[in-house]
N, C-alpha and C. Protein backbone atom coordinates (compact mmCIF):
# COMPACT_ATOMS: atom_id res chain seq x y z
N UNK A 1 0.82 -1.20 0.00
CA UNK A 1 0.00 0.00 0.00
C UNK A 1 0.86 1.26 0.00
N UNK A 2 1.98 1.22 0.69
CA UNK A 2 2.85 2.39 0.74
C UNK A 2 3.34 2.77 -0.65
N UNK A 3 3.69 1.80 -1.48
CA UNK A 3 4.14 2.09 -2.83
C UNK A 3 3.05 2.81 -3.62
N UNK A 4 1.82 2.38 -3.49
CA UNK A 4 0.72 3.01 -4.21
C UNK A 4 0.52 4.44 -3.75
N UNK A 5 0.67 4.68 -2.46
CA UNK A 5 0.54 6.05 -1.93
C UNK A 5 1.63 6.94 -2.50
N UNK A 6 2.83 6.42 -2.60
CA UNK A 6 3.93 7.20 -3.15
C UNK A 6 3.67 7.55 -4.61
N UNK A 7 3.14 6.62 -5.36
CA UNK A 7 2.83 6.87 -6.77
C UNK A 7 1.80 7.99 -6.88
N UNK A 8 0.76 7.93 -6.07
CA UNK A 8 -0.29 8.93 -6.12
C UNK A 8 0.24 10.31 -5.74
N UNK A 9 1.17 10.36 -4.83
CA UNK A 9 1.70 11.65 -4.38
C UNK A 9 2.50 12.35 -5.47
N UNK A 10 3.25 11.61 -6.24
CA UNK A 10 4.04 12.27 -7.28
C UNK A 10 3.31 12.32 -8.61
N UNK A 11 2.25 11.55 -8.75
CA UNK A 11 1.41 11.65 -9.93
C UNK A 11 1.94 10.95 -11.16
N UNK A 12 2.92 10.09 -11.02
CA UNK A 12 3.43 9.34 -12.15
C UNK A 12 2.84 7.95 -12.06
N UNK A 13 2.13 7.56 -13.11
CA UNK A 13 1.42 6.30 -13.04
C UNK A 13 1.72 5.46 -14.28
N UNK A 14 2.32 4.32 -14.04
CA UNK A 14 2.51 3.33 -15.08
C UNK A 14 1.58 2.19 -14.70
N UNK A 15 0.34 2.31 -15.12
CA UNK A 15 -0.72 1.42 -14.65
C UNK A 15 -0.44 -0.04 -15.00
N UNK A 16 0.10 -0.31 -16.17
CA UNK A 16 0.36 -1.70 -16.54
C UNK A 16 1.39 -2.35 -15.62
N UNK A 17 2.37 -1.59 -15.20
CA UNK A 17 3.37 -2.11 -14.26
C UNK A 17 2.73 -2.38 -12.90
N UNK A 18 1.84 -1.51 -12.49
CA UNK A 18 1.16 -1.68 -11.21
C UNK A 18 0.28 -2.92 -11.25
N UNK A 19 -0.46 -3.09 -12.34
CA UNK A 19 -1.36 -4.25 -12.46
C UNK A 19 -0.56 -5.54 -12.41
N UNK A 20 0.55 -5.58 -13.10
CA UNK A 20 1.35 -6.82 -13.09
C UNK A 20 1.93 -7.08 -11.70
N UNK A 21 2.29 -6.04 -10.98
CA UNK A 21 2.86 -6.21 -9.64
C UNK A 21 1.81 -6.65 -8.63
N UNK A 22 0.58 -6.22 -8.80
CA UNK A 22 -0.48 -6.52 -7.83
C UNK A 22 -1.57 -7.40 -8.42
N UNK A 23 -1.26 -8.17 -9.44
CA UNK A 23 -2.29 -8.94 -10.15
C UNK A 23 -3.02 -9.93 -9.25
N UNK A 24 -2.40 -10.41 -8.22
CA UNK A 24 -3.06 -11.37 -7.34
C UNK A 24 -3.83 -10.73 -6.21
N UNK A 25 -3.73 -9.43 -6.04
CA UNK A 25 -4.33 -8.76 -4.90
C UNK A 25 -5.37 -7.75 -5.39
N UNK A 26 -6.62 -8.20 -5.52
CA UNK A 26 -7.67 -7.33 -6.08
C UNK A 26 -7.98 -6.14 -5.17
N UNK A 27 -7.82 -6.30 -3.87
CA UNK A 27 -8.08 -5.18 -2.96
C UNK A 27 -7.08 -4.04 -3.22
N UNK A 28 -5.81 -4.42 -3.40
CA UNK A 28 -4.80 -3.41 -3.70
C UNK A 28 -5.08 -2.72 -5.02
N UNK A 29 -5.51 -3.48 -6.01
CA UNK A 29 -5.85 -2.88 -7.31
C UNK A 29 -7.00 -1.89 -7.18
N UNK A 30 -8.02 -2.27 -6.40
CA UNK A 30 -9.14 -1.34 -6.19
C UNK A 30 -8.68 -0.08 -5.48
N UNK A 31 -7.79 -0.24 -4.51
CA UNK A 31 -7.25 0.92 -3.79
C UNK A 31 -6.47 1.82 -4.75
N UNK A 32 -5.67 1.21 -5.61
CA UNK A 32 -4.90 1.98 -6.57
C UNK A 32 -5.82 2.71 -7.53
N UNK A 33 -6.84 2.02 -8.04
CA UNK A 33 -7.80 2.67 -8.95
C UNK A 33 -8.52 3.83 -8.26
N UNK A 34 -8.86 3.65 -6.99
CA UNK A 34 -9.52 4.71 -6.23
C UNK A 34 -8.59 5.92 -6.10
N UNK A 35 -7.31 5.66 -5.81
CA UNK A 35 -6.35 6.76 -5.68
C UNK A 35 -6.12 7.47 -7.01
N UNK A 36 -6.10 6.72 -8.10
CA UNK A 36 -5.93 7.33 -9.42
C UNK A 36 -7.11 8.24 -9.73
N UNK A 37 -8.32 7.76 -9.47
CA UNK A 37 -9.51 8.58 -9.72
C UNK A 37 -9.51 9.83 -8.84
N UNK A 38 -9.10 9.67 -7.60
CA UNK A 38 -9.04 10.82 -6.69
C UNK A 38 -8.03 11.84 -7.20
N UNK A 39 -6.89 11.37 -7.65
CA UNK A 39 -5.85 12.25 -8.20
C UNK A 39 -6.37 12.98 -9.44
N UNK A 40 -7.05 12.27 -10.31
CA UNK A 40 -7.59 12.89 -11.52
C UNK A 40 -8.64 13.94 -11.19
N UNK A 41 -9.48 13.67 -10.17
CA UNK A 41 -10.48 14.67 -9.76
C UNK A 41 -9.80 15.92 -9.21
N UNK A 42 -8.75 15.73 -8.41
CA UNK A 42 -8.02 16.89 -7.88
C UNK A 42 -7.40 17.70 -9.00
N UNK A 43 -6.82 17.02 -9.98
CA UNK A 43 -6.21 17.72 -11.12
C UNK A 43 -7.27 18.52 -11.89
N UNK A 44 -8.41 17.91 -12.12
CA UNK A 44 -9.49 18.60 -12.83
C UNK A 44 -9.98 19.81 -12.06
N UNK A 45 -10.10 19.65 -10.76
CA UNK A 45 -10.55 20.75 -9.92
C UNK A 45 -9.56 21.91 -9.96
N UNK A 46 -8.28 21.60 -9.88
CA UNK A 46 -7.26 22.65 -9.93
C UNK A 46 -7.28 23.35 -11.28
N UNK A 47 -7.40 22.58 -12.37
CA UNK A 47 -7.47 23.17 -13.70
C UNK A 47 -8.67 24.09 -13.84
N UNK A 48 -9.80 23.67 -13.29
CA UNK A 48 -11.01 24.50 -13.34
C UNK A 48 -10.81 25.78 -12.53
N UNK A 49 -10.19 25.66 -11.37
CA UNK A 49 -9.91 26.85 -10.55
C UNK A 49 -9.01 27.82 -11.30
N UNK A 50 -7.98 27.30 -11.95
CA UNK A 50 -7.06 28.16 -12.71
C UNK A 50 -7.79 28.85 -13.85
N UNK A 51 -8.63 28.10 -14.54
CA UNK A 51 -9.41 28.68 -15.64
C UNK A 51 -10.29 29.83 -15.12
N UNK A 52 -10.97 29.61 -14.01
CA UNK A 52 -11.84 30.64 -13.44
C UNK A 52 -11.04 31.88 -13.01
N UNK A 53 -9.87 31.65 -12.43
CA UNK A 53 -9.01 32.78 -12.04
C UNK A 53 -8.54 33.55 -13.28
N UNK A 54 -8.21 32.83 -14.34
CA UNK A 54 -7.78 33.49 -15.57
C UNK A 54 -8.92 34.31 -16.18
N UNK A 55 -10.12 33.81 -16.09
CA UNK A 55 -11.28 34.56 -16.58
C UNK A 55 -11.47 35.86 -15.80
N UNK A 56 -11.33 35.78 -14.49
CA UNK A 56 -11.45 36.98 -13.66
C UNK A 56 -10.33 37.97 -13.96
N UNK A 57 -9.12 37.44 -14.13
CA UNK A 57 -7.99 38.30 -14.47
C UNK A 57 -8.24 39.02 -15.80
N UNK A 58 -8.77 38.30 -16.77
CA UNK A 58 -9.08 38.90 -18.07
C UNK A 58 -10.11 40.02 -17.92
N UNK A 59 -11.10 39.80 -17.07
CA UNK A 59 -12.09 40.84 -16.81
C UNK A 59 -11.41 42.12 -16.30
N UNK A 60 -10.50 41.95 -15.34
CA UNK A 60 -9.80 43.11 -14.79
C UNK A 60 -8.82 43.73 -15.78
N UNK A 61 -8.25 42.91 -16.65
CA UNK A 61 -7.39 43.46 -17.70
C UNK A 61 -8.20 44.34 -18.65
N UNK A 62 -9.38 43.90 -18.97
CA UNK A 62 -10.25 44.69 -19.86
C UNK A 62 -10.68 46.00 -19.22
N UNK A 63 -10.66 46.04 -17.88
CA UNK A 63 -11.04 47.25 -17.15
C UNK A 63 -9.83 48.02 -16.63
N UNK A 64 -8.63 47.61 -17.05
CA UNK A 64 -7.38 48.27 -16.65
C UNK A 64 -7.24 48.41 -15.13
N UNK A 65 -7.59 47.38 -14.41
CA UNK A 65 -7.51 47.37 -12.95
C UNK A 65 -6.24 46.62 -12.53
N UNK A 66 -5.13 47.35 -12.46
CA UNK A 66 -3.81 46.75 -12.22
C UNK A 66 -3.72 46.03 -10.87
N UNK A 67 -4.37 46.54 -9.86
CA UNK A 67 -4.31 45.92 -8.53
C UNK A 67 -4.90 44.52 -8.57
N UNK A 68 -6.08 44.40 -9.16
CA UNK A 68 -6.71 43.09 -9.24
C UNK A 68 -6.01 42.17 -10.24
N UNK A 69 -5.43 42.73 -11.27
CA UNK A 69 -4.66 41.90 -12.22
C UNK A 69 -3.52 41.22 -11.48
N UNK A 70 -2.79 41.99 -10.70
CA UNK A 70 -1.67 41.43 -9.93
C UNK A 70 -2.16 40.41 -8.91
N UNK A 71 -3.27 40.70 -8.28
CA UNK A 71 -3.85 39.79 -7.30
C UNK A 71 -4.17 38.44 -7.94
N UNK A 72 -4.80 38.48 -9.11
CA UNK A 72 -5.17 37.23 -9.77
C UNK A 72 -3.97 36.52 -10.38
N UNK A 73 -2.99 37.27 -10.84
CA UNK A 73 -1.76 36.63 -11.33
C UNK A 73 -1.10 35.84 -10.20
N UNK A 74 -1.08 36.43 -9.02
CA UNK A 74 -0.50 35.75 -7.86
C UNK A 74 -1.28 34.49 -7.52
N UNK A 75 -2.60 34.59 -7.52
CA UNK A 75 -3.43 33.42 -7.20
C UNK A 75 -3.26 32.31 -8.24
N UNK A 76 -3.15 32.70 -9.51
CA UNK A 76 -2.95 31.72 -10.58
C UNK A 76 -1.62 30.98 -10.39
N UNK A 77 -0.57 31.74 -10.10
CA UNK A 77 0.74 31.12 -9.89
C UNK A 77 0.72 30.17 -8.68
N UNK A 78 0.02 30.55 -7.63
CA UNK A 78 -0.06 29.67 -6.46
C UNK A 78 -0.78 28.37 -6.82
N UNK A 79 -1.86 28.47 -7.59
CA UNK A 79 -2.60 27.27 -8.00
C UNK A 79 -1.75 26.38 -8.90
N UNK A 80 -0.97 27.00 -9.76
CA UNK A 80 -0.14 26.23 -10.69
C UNK A 80 0.98 25.48 -9.96
N UNK A 81 1.36 25.99 -8.81
CA UNK A 81 2.47 25.36 -8.08
C UNK A 81 2.02 24.23 -7.16
N UNK A 82 0.72 24.00 -7.10
CA UNK A 82 0.21 22.94 -6.21
C UNK A 82 0.64 21.58 -6.72
């Protein structure tokens, strides 16, 4: 289980290698699949957040609001570094 947790944390997944390593342990495979889906949901959520922040930043750019442009640029960079 520890190996699967490490894979999920760094986000590198070679699923075929995992399946061959855990082919006899269906519980471990289900756990791995659950972690992969959870990771994918988190990635999608972060991408959506970044998109929304970029939309707000664009709104402020169109209104020449430098303070809010900088604020949203900072928030976007923080989200990208997650």
